[in-house]
Amino acid sequence: MSSYSMAVIPGDGIGPEIIPAGVAVLEAAAEKFGFQLSYENFPYGAGYYKKTGRFMPDDALDTLKGFDALYFGAVGLPDVDDTLPARLFTFKVRVGFDQYVNYRPARLLPGVPGPLKGKSPEDIDLVVIRENTEGEFVQSGGLVRNEFPDGMATDMSIFTRKGIERIAHYSFQLARKRRNKVTNVTKSNTLIHSLAYWDRVVEEVRQSYLNVDYAKMYVDNASANLVLYPEKFDVILTTNFIGDILSDLAGAITGSLGLGPSGNINPEKRYPSMFEPIHGSAPDIAGKAIANPVGAIWSGALMLEHLGETRAADAIVAAIEKTVAGGILSVDLGGSARTMEIAEAVIANL
């Protein structure tokens, strides 16, 4: 019997509500499909920072490195500087574990009232693949005389050939398993050095995948097309910053960010990958037991898929679809089902 170890990091806000719901589904899937899950909980996040002055201990990555995967909720609280969570937690994990793929599926599920008129589940089924360790989010920059009238601030983007090549290869290979189309989204007509270089390297990689349909689109046009013609998209390949924005837009056109899963993936499995819903900590509804757990549950399915338990992963997604199609919807989707009620329905359908 296969066995996998998870580091469970519920985090802040609604994290401690949605992650236990996800764990319950994962445990049910493990029992049904004949594998074992062991896990250890870690209290890292903004709440931990308020107590200790750190988002996680200095040796946290050494501790987490021993697990097969990380299952994460959300990070951030209203009374903690919102520039700190990414720098002191999220980016440290992504870069430290070389999780260079940010994988965010966006699908309109049957029974979910999507916001786009006339669009059905057949029209909205895409994945945003975002380069996850370099680009615009390397946090290389600084302030010069910032308190003076002539003050200035800089942030530098860094794009490497290695970084572009490997995310492009991942995207084309993923497209071959889906509907065989990659759309490269940049803004190379104005960022004429960094993103023109990105486009050139992606074009070089594309020569190894000439049987995959390929298009290049500027981000402003892509944003409009995601709303008007989402059916055009299959795999979106893009940069760290652009992907951060487009993946939320893609999540919104599926009806709610509460539905959105994601994986921060090291495809070679040299390090553990981290799986988390895209919605954030949502402190305004924390403690009310009304948070939508679907994004967390679906993220758990992505984790099982990454670990090789594809039958269990597919079954969880099918159970999610059956649950929402049956009208069991959370408050953000216009329903009244509570967090654990949704998890229990998914388990029953599993």
Protein backbone atom coordinates (compact mmCIF):
# COMPACT_ATOMS: atom_id res chain seq x y z
CA MET A 1 0.00 0.00 0.00
CA SER A 2 1.37 3.40 -1.00
CA SER A 3 1.86 5.95 1.77
CA TYR A 4 2.32 9.71 1.58
CA SER A 5 3.20 12.30 4.19
CA MET A 6 1.65 15.76 4.16
CA ALA A 7 2.65 18.90 6.00
CA VAL A 8 -0.66 20.62 6.74
CA ILE A 9 -0.44 24.41 7.15
CA PRO A 10 -3.95 25.83 7.69
CA GLY A 11 -2.64 29.40 8.03
CA ASP A 12 -4.87 32.36 8.74
CA GLY A 13 -8.45 33.59 8.36
CA ILE A 14 -10.63 30.85 6.87
CA GLY A 15 -7.64 28.53 6.44
CA PRO A 16 -8.34 26.63 9.70
CA GLU A 17 -11.92 26.02 8.47
CA ILE A 18 -11.39 24.95 4.87
CA ILE A 19 -8.25 22.84 5.33
CA PRO A 20 -9.84 20.40 7.83
CA ALA A 21 -12.70 20.03 5.32
CA GLY A 22 -10.15 19.20 2.65
CA VAL A 23 -8.31 16.75 4.90
CA ALA A 24 -11.58 14.93 5.61
CA VAL A 25 -12.12 14.44 1.86
CA LEU A 26 -8.52 13.31 1.37
CA GLU A 27 -8.89 10.74 4.15
CA ALA A 28 -12.08 9.41 2.55
CA ALA A 29 -10.33 9.14 -0.81
CA ALA A 30 -7.38 7.33 0.73
CA GLU A 31 -9.69 4.77 2.34
CA LYS A 32 -11.65 4.24 -0.87
CA PHE A 33 -8.64 3.90 -3.18
CA GLY A 34 -6.31 1.99 -0.89
CA PHE A 35 -3.45 4.28 0.05
CA GLN A 36 -2.37 5.89 3.29
CA LEU A 37 -1.95 9.53 4.24
CA SER A 38 -0.08 10.75 7.27
CA TYR A 39 0.15 14.39 8.16
CA GLU A 40 1.55 16.83 10.65
CA ASN A 41 0.08 20.26 11.34
CA PHE A 42 2.18 23.42 11.42
CA PRO A 43 0.94 26.79 12.76
CA TYR A 44 2.84 29.01 10.30
CA GLY A 45 1.39 32.27 8.99
CA ALA A 46 0.47 35.79 10.07
CA GLY A 47 -0.93 34.57 13.39
CA TYR A 48 2.38 32.86 14.08
CA TYR A 49 4.13 36.10 13.14
CA LYS A 50 2.11 38.05 15.70
CA LYS A 51 3.29 35.65 18.41
CA THR A 52 6.90 35.10 17.34
CA GLY A 53 7.91 37.87 14.93
CA ARG A 54 8.37 35.29 12.14
CA PHE A 55 5.98 33.69 9.68
CA MET A 56 7.78 30.39 10.17
CA PRO A 57 10.92 29.28 12.03
CA ASP A 58 14.31 29.77 10.42
CA ASP A 59 14.67 26.02 9.91
CA ALA A 60 11.12 25.53 8.58
CA LEU A 61 12.19 24.57 5.05
CA ASP A 62 14.52 21.93 6.43
CA THR A 63 11.59 20.51 8.39
CA LEU A 64 9.11 20.68 5.51
CA LYS A 65 11.55 19.19 3.02
CA GLY A 66 10.95 15.74 4.49
CA PHE A 67 7.28 15.63 3.45
CA ASP A 68 5.85 14.43 0.17
CA ALA A 69 3.62 17.50 -0.21
CA LEU A 70 2.46 20.65 1.57
CA TYR A 71 -1.27 21.33 1.99
CA PHE A 72 -1.77 25.02 2.68
CA GLY A 73 -4.78 27.22 3.46
CA ALA A 74 -4.09 30.95 3.34
CA VAL A 75 -1.84 33.59 4.83
CA GLY A 76 -2.51 37.16 5.97
CA LEU A 77 -4.43 39.13 8.60
CA PRO A 78 -5.74 42.72 8.52
CA ASP A 79 -3.44 43.90 11.33
CA VAL A 80 -0.27 42.48 9.73
CA ASP A 81 1.58 44.42 7.01
CA ASP A 82 0.35 42.88 3.74
CA THR A 83 3.79 43.11 2.14
CA LEU A 84 5.12 40.53 4.59
CA PRO A 85 3.21 37.27 3.86
CA ALA A 86 4.58 36.88 0.33
CA ARG A 87 8.13 37.86 1.25
CA LEU A 88 8.38 35.94 4.51
CA PHE A 89 6.30 32.89 3.71
CA THR A 90 4.91 32.23 0.23
CA PHE A 91 7.90 33.28 -1.86
CA LYS A 92 10.32 31.61 0.55
CA VAL A 93 8.56 28.29 0.09
CA ARG A 94 8.15 28.61 -3.68
CA VAL A 95 11.75 29.62 -4.30
CA GLY A 96 13.27 27.44 -1.59
CA PHE A 97 11.59 24.34 -3.00
CA ASP A 98 11.99 25.40 -6.66
CA GLN A 99 8.23 25.27 -7.21
CA TYR A 100 8.57 26.94 -10.57
CA VAL A 101 5.13 25.94 -11.88
CA ASN A 102 2.04 27.68 -10.57
CA TYR A 103 -0.84 25.53 -11.85
CA ARG A 104 -4.33 27.04 -11.69
CA PRO A 105 -7.25 25.30 -13.39
CA ALA A 106 -10.41 27.29 -14.03
CA ARG A 107 -13.60 25.43 -14.95
CA LEU A 108 -17.24 26.40 -14.86
CA LEU A 109 -18.85 23.57 -12.92
CA PRO A 110 -22.33 22.25 -13.75
CA GLY A 111 -24.88 23.89 -11.48
CA VAL A 112 -22.77 26.96 -10.70
CA PRO A 113 -24.31 30.26 -11.83
CA GLY A 114 -21.39 31.73 -13.74
CA PRO A 115 -21.28 35.48 -14.39
CA LEU A 116 -20.82 35.27 -18.17
CA LYS A 117 -24.02 35.39 -20.17
CA GLY A 118 -24.52 32.42 -22.48
CA LYS A 119 -21.39 30.55 -21.41
CA SER A 120 -21.64 26.90 -20.38
CA PRO A 121 -19.19 24.47 -18.72
CA GLU A 122 -18.04 23.48 -22.22
CA ASP A 123 -16.89 27.08 -22.81
CA ILE A 124 -14.82 27.61 -19.65
CA ASP A 125 -12.18 24.93 -19.06
CA LEU A 126 -8.64 26.24 -18.99
CA VAL A 127 -5.43 26.20 -16.98
CA VAL A 128 -3.23 29.20 -16.22
CA ILE A 129 0.42 28.14 -16.03
CA ARG A 130 2.35 30.90 -14.32
CA GLU A 131 6.12 30.99 -13.96
CA ASN A 132 6.44 30.95 -10.19
CA THR A 133 9.99 31.71 -9.03
CA GLU A 134 11.35 34.65 -11.03
CA GLY A 135 10.07 37.37 -13.37
CA GLU A 136 8.42 40.40 -11.81
CA PHE A 137 8.23 38.99 -8.26
CA VAL A 138 11.92 38.51 -7.48
CA GLN A 139 11.76 41.55 -5.15
CA SER A 140 14.98 43.02 -6.45
CA GLY A 141 14.87 46.79 -6.01
CA GLY A 142 14.81 49.50 -3.41
CA LEU A 143 14.02 53.03 -2.35
CA VAL A 144 16.19 56.08 -2.93
CA ARG A 145 15.55 59.29 -0.91
CA ASN A 146 11.98 58.12 -0.58
CA GLU A 147 11.11 60.73 2.06
CA PHE A 148 12.20 63.59 -0.18
CA PRO A 149 10.47 65.31 -3.12
CA ASP A 150 12.90 63.67 -5.55
CA GLY A 151 12.45 60.20 -4.03
CA MET A 152 12.23 57.15 -6.21
CA ALA A 153 11.48 53.45 -6.00
CA THR A 154 12.54 50.55 -8.22
CA ASP A 155 11.57 46.93 -8.72
CA MET A 156 13.52 44.83 -11.20
CA SER A 157 12.16 41.88 -13.17
CA ILE A 158 14.51 38.99 -13.85
CA PHE A 159 13.91 36.48 -16.64
CA THR A 160 16.38 33.68 -17.27
CA ARG A 161 16.58 31.37 -20.26
CA LYS A 162 16.37 28.37 -17.94
CA GLY A 163 13.29 29.72 -16.21
CA ILE A 164 11.46 30.48 -19.45
CA GLU A 165 12.41 27.23 -21.14
CA ARG A 166 11.26 24.96 -18.35
CA ILE A 167 7.88 26.65 -17.83
CA ALA A 168 7.31 26.62 -21.60
CA HIS A 169 8.13 22.91 -21.87
CA TYR A 170 5.75 22.18 -19.00
CA SER A 171 2.95 24.14 -20.71
CA PHE A 172 3.32 22.48 -24.10
CA GLN A 173 3.48 19.03 -22.52
CA LEU A 174 0.35 19.78 -20.47
CA ALA A 175 -1.48 20.98 -23.58
CA ARG A 176 -0.80 17.63 -25.25
CA LYS A 177 -2.76 15.99 -22.42
CA ARG A 178 -5.65 18.46 -22.72
CA ARG A 179 -6.99 20.16 -25.88
CA ASN A 180 -3.62 20.74 -27.51
CA LYS A 181 -3.47 24.54 -27.43
CA VAL A 182 -1.07 26.98 -25.74
CA THR A 183 -1.65 30.73 -25.56
CA ASN A 184 1.45 32.68 -24.57
CA VAL A 185 0.35 35.89 -22.79
CA THR A 186 2.86 38.73 -22.35
CA LYS A 187 3.23 42.47 -23.04
CA SER A 188 6.31 42.36 -25.22
CA ASN A 189 5.26 45.30 -27.38
CA THR A 190 6.02 47.64 -24.48
CA LEU A 191 8.39 45.63 -22.26
CA ILE A 192 10.70 45.33 -25.23
CA HIS A 193 13.63 43.71 -23.46
CA SER A 194 12.37 41.32 -20.79
CA LEU A 195 9.14 40.09 -22.36
CA ALA A 196 10.43 40.21 -25.91
CA TYR A 197 13.14 37.85 -24.66
CA TRP A 198 10.45 35.69 -23.02
CA ASP A 199 8.55 35.49 -26.33
CA ARG A 200 11.70 34.61 -28.26
CA VAL A 201 12.64 31.76 -25.91
CA VAL A 202 9.06 30.44 -25.88
CA GLU A 203 9.10 30.47 -29.69
CA GLU A 204 12.32 28.43 -29.63
CA VAL A 205 10.75 25.88 -27.27
CA ARG A 206 7.64 25.78 -29.46
CA GLN A 207 9.70 24.30 -32.30
CA SER A 208 9.75 21.02 -30.36
CA TYR A 209 5.93 20.98 -30.20
CA LEU A 210 4.79 21.97 -33.68
CA ASN A 211 1.77 19.65 -33.37
CA VAL A 212 0.42 21.86 -30.55
CA ASP A 213 -1.71 24.85 -31.59
CA TYR A 214 0.04 28.02 -30.52
CA ALA A 215 -1.00 31.66 -30.19
CA LYS A 216 0.60 34.76 -28.72
CA MET A 217 -1.56 37.40 -27.09
CA TYR A 218 -0.90 40.64 -25.22
CA VAL A 219 -2.29 40.70 -21.71
CA ASP A 220 -4.81 43.49 -22.30
CA ASN A 221 -6.30 41.59 -25.22
CA ALA A 222 -6.18 38.31 -23.27
CA SER A 223 -8.09 39.90 -20.38
CA ALA A 224 -10.86 41.00 -22.73
CA ASN A 225 -10.98 37.64 -24.47
CA LEU A 226 -11.20 35.72 -21.20
CA VAL A 227 -14.47 37.53 -20.55
CA LEU A 228 -15.83 37.59 -24.09
CA TYR A 229 -14.51 34.33 -25.53
CA PRO A 230 -13.20 32.06 -22.75
CA GLU A 231 -13.62 29.06 -25.05
CA LYS A 232 -10.55 30.26 -26.97
CA PHE A 233 -8.25 29.21 -24.13
CA ASP A 234 -6.84 25.86 -23.09
CA VAL A 235 -3.39 26.32 -21.52
CA ILE A 236 -2.33 29.90 -20.81
CA LEU A 237 1.44 30.26 -20.44
CA THR A 238 2.49 33.49 -18.76
CA THR A 239 4.76 35.30 -16.33
CA ASN A 240 4.63 35.54 -12.56
CA PHE A 241 2.90 38.94 -12.35
CA ILE A 242 0.59 38.56 -15.34
CA GLY A 243 -0.35 35.07 -14.20
CA ASP A 244 -1.21 36.31 -10.74
CA ILE A 245 -3.81 38.64 -12.25
CA LEU A 246 -5.14 36.43 -15.03
CA SER A 247 -5.63 33.45 -12.74
CA ASP A 248 -7.92 35.50 -10.49
CA LEU A 249 -9.83 36.72 -13.55
CA ALA A 250 -10.12 33.13 -14.75
CA GLY A 251 -11.35 32.12 -11.30
CA ALA A 252 -13.93 34.92 -11.30
CA ILE A 253 -15.51 33.82 -14.58
CA THR A 254 -16.13 30.38 -13.04
CA GLY A 255 -18.45 31.96 -10.48
CA SER A 256 -16.30 32.45 -7.39
CA LEU A 257 -12.67 32.54 -6.31
CA GLY A 258 -13.79 30.13 -3.61
CA LEU A 259 -13.86 27.38 -6.24
CA GLY A 260 -10.30 27.86 -7.44
CA PRO A 261 -7.51 25.38 -6.69
CA SER A 262 -3.80 25.77 -7.32
CA GLY A 263 -0.53 23.93 -7.11
CA ASN A 264 2.95 25.33 -6.61
CA ILE A 265 4.76 22.49 -8.27
CA ASN A 266 8.29 21.17 -8.53
CA PRO A 267 7.64 18.77 -11.43
CA GLU A 268 10.83 16.79 -10.88
CA LYS A 269 9.78 16.08 -7.26
CA ARG A 270 13.20 16.99 -5.91
CA TYR A 271 11.30 19.05 -3.35
CA PRO A 272 7.75 18.88 -2.02
CA SER A 273 5.11 20.83 -3.92
CA MET A 274 2.55 23.03 -2.16
CA PHE A 275 -1.18 23.00 -2.90
CA GLU A 276 -3.55 25.80 -1.88
CA PRO A 277 -6.86 27.43 -2.84
CA ILE A 278 -6.51 30.76 -4.63
CA HIS A 279 -8.93 32.84 -2.58
CA GLY A 280 -6.77 34.11 0.29
CA SER A 281 -7.50 34.31 3.99
CA ALA A 282 -10.88 36.16 3.77
CA PRO A 283 -10.75 37.39 7.39
CA ASP A 284 -14.15 39.08 7.02
CA ILE A 285 -15.92 35.69 7.07
CA ALA A 286 -13.46 33.79 9.27
CA GLY A 287 -15.07 31.92 12.15
CA LYS A 288 -18.54 31.84 10.59
CA ALA A 289 -18.23 28.33 9.10
CA ILE A 290 -19.57 29.59 5.75
CA ALA A 291 -16.33 29.61 3.74
CA ASN A 292 -16.42 27.72 0.45
CA PRO A 293 -14.14 24.66 0.84
CA VAL A 294 -14.25 23.59 -2.82
CA GLY A 295 -11.01 25.37 -3.73
CA ALA A 296 -9.22 23.62 -0.87
CA ILE A 297 -10.79 20.23 -1.67
CA TRP A 298 -9.90 20.58 -5.34
CA SER A 299 -6.35 21.61 -4.38
CA GLY A 300 -6.16 18.35 -2.45
CA ALA A 301 -7.14 16.53 -5.63
CA LEU A 302 -4.32 18.29 -7.50
CA MET A 303 -1.97 17.12 -4.76
CA LEU A 304 -3.07 13.49 -5.17
CA GLU A 305 -2.68 13.78 -8.94
CA HIS A 306 0.87 15.07 -8.46
CA LEU A 307 1.64 12.19 -6.11
CA GLY A 308 0.40 9.68 -8.70
CA GLU A 309 -3.01 8.85 -7.22
CA THR A 310 -4.85 9.91 -10.36
CA ARG A 311 -7.93 7.72 -9.84
CA ALA A 312 -8.53 9.28 -6.44
CA ALA A 313 -7.90 12.77 -7.80
CA ASP A 314 -10.37 12.29 -10.66
CA ALA A 315 -12.96 10.87 -8.26
CA ILE A 316 -12.71 13.90 -5.95
CA VAL A 317 -13.25 16.29 -8.86
CA ALA A 318 -16.22 14.22 -10.05
CA ALA A 319 -17.63 14.30 -6.50
CA ILE A 320 -17.23 18.09 -6.41
CA GLU A 321 -19.09 18.37 -9.71
CA LYS A 322 -21.91 16.14 -8.47
CA THR A 323 -22.17 18.12 -5.23
CA VAL A 324 -22.54 21.54 -6.81
CA ALA A 325 -24.71 20.20 -9.64
CA GLY A 326 -27.01 18.88 -6.91
CA GLY A 327 -27.52 22.40 -5.60
CA ILE A 328 -25.29 22.15 -2.53
CA LEU A 329 -23.74 25.60 -2.83
CA SER A 330 -21.90 27.87 -0.43
CA VAL A 331 -22.92 31.42 0.41
CA ASP A 332 -20.59 32.98 -2.16
CA LEU A 333 -22.47 31.07 -4.87
CA GLY A 334 -25.89 32.11 -3.62
CA GLY A 335 -26.48 28.97 -1.55
CA SER A 336 -26.70 28.32 2.17
CA ALA A 337 -24.54 25.22 2.72
CA ARG A 338 -21.90 25.54 5.40
CA THR A 339 -18.27 24.59 5.08
CA MET A 340 -18.36 21.09 6.56
CA GLU A 341 -21.75 20.35 5.02
CA ILE A 342 -20.19 20.77 1.60
CA ALA A 343 -17.24 18.55 2.55
CA GLU A 344 -19.62 15.88 3.85
CA ALA A 345 -21.60 16.02 0.61
CA VAL A 346 -18.42 15.62 -1.44
CA ILE A 347 -17.46 12.60 0.71
CA ALA A 348 -20.90 11.08 0.22
CA ASN A 349 -20.66 11.56 -3.53
CA LEU A 350 -17.13 10.15 -3.52
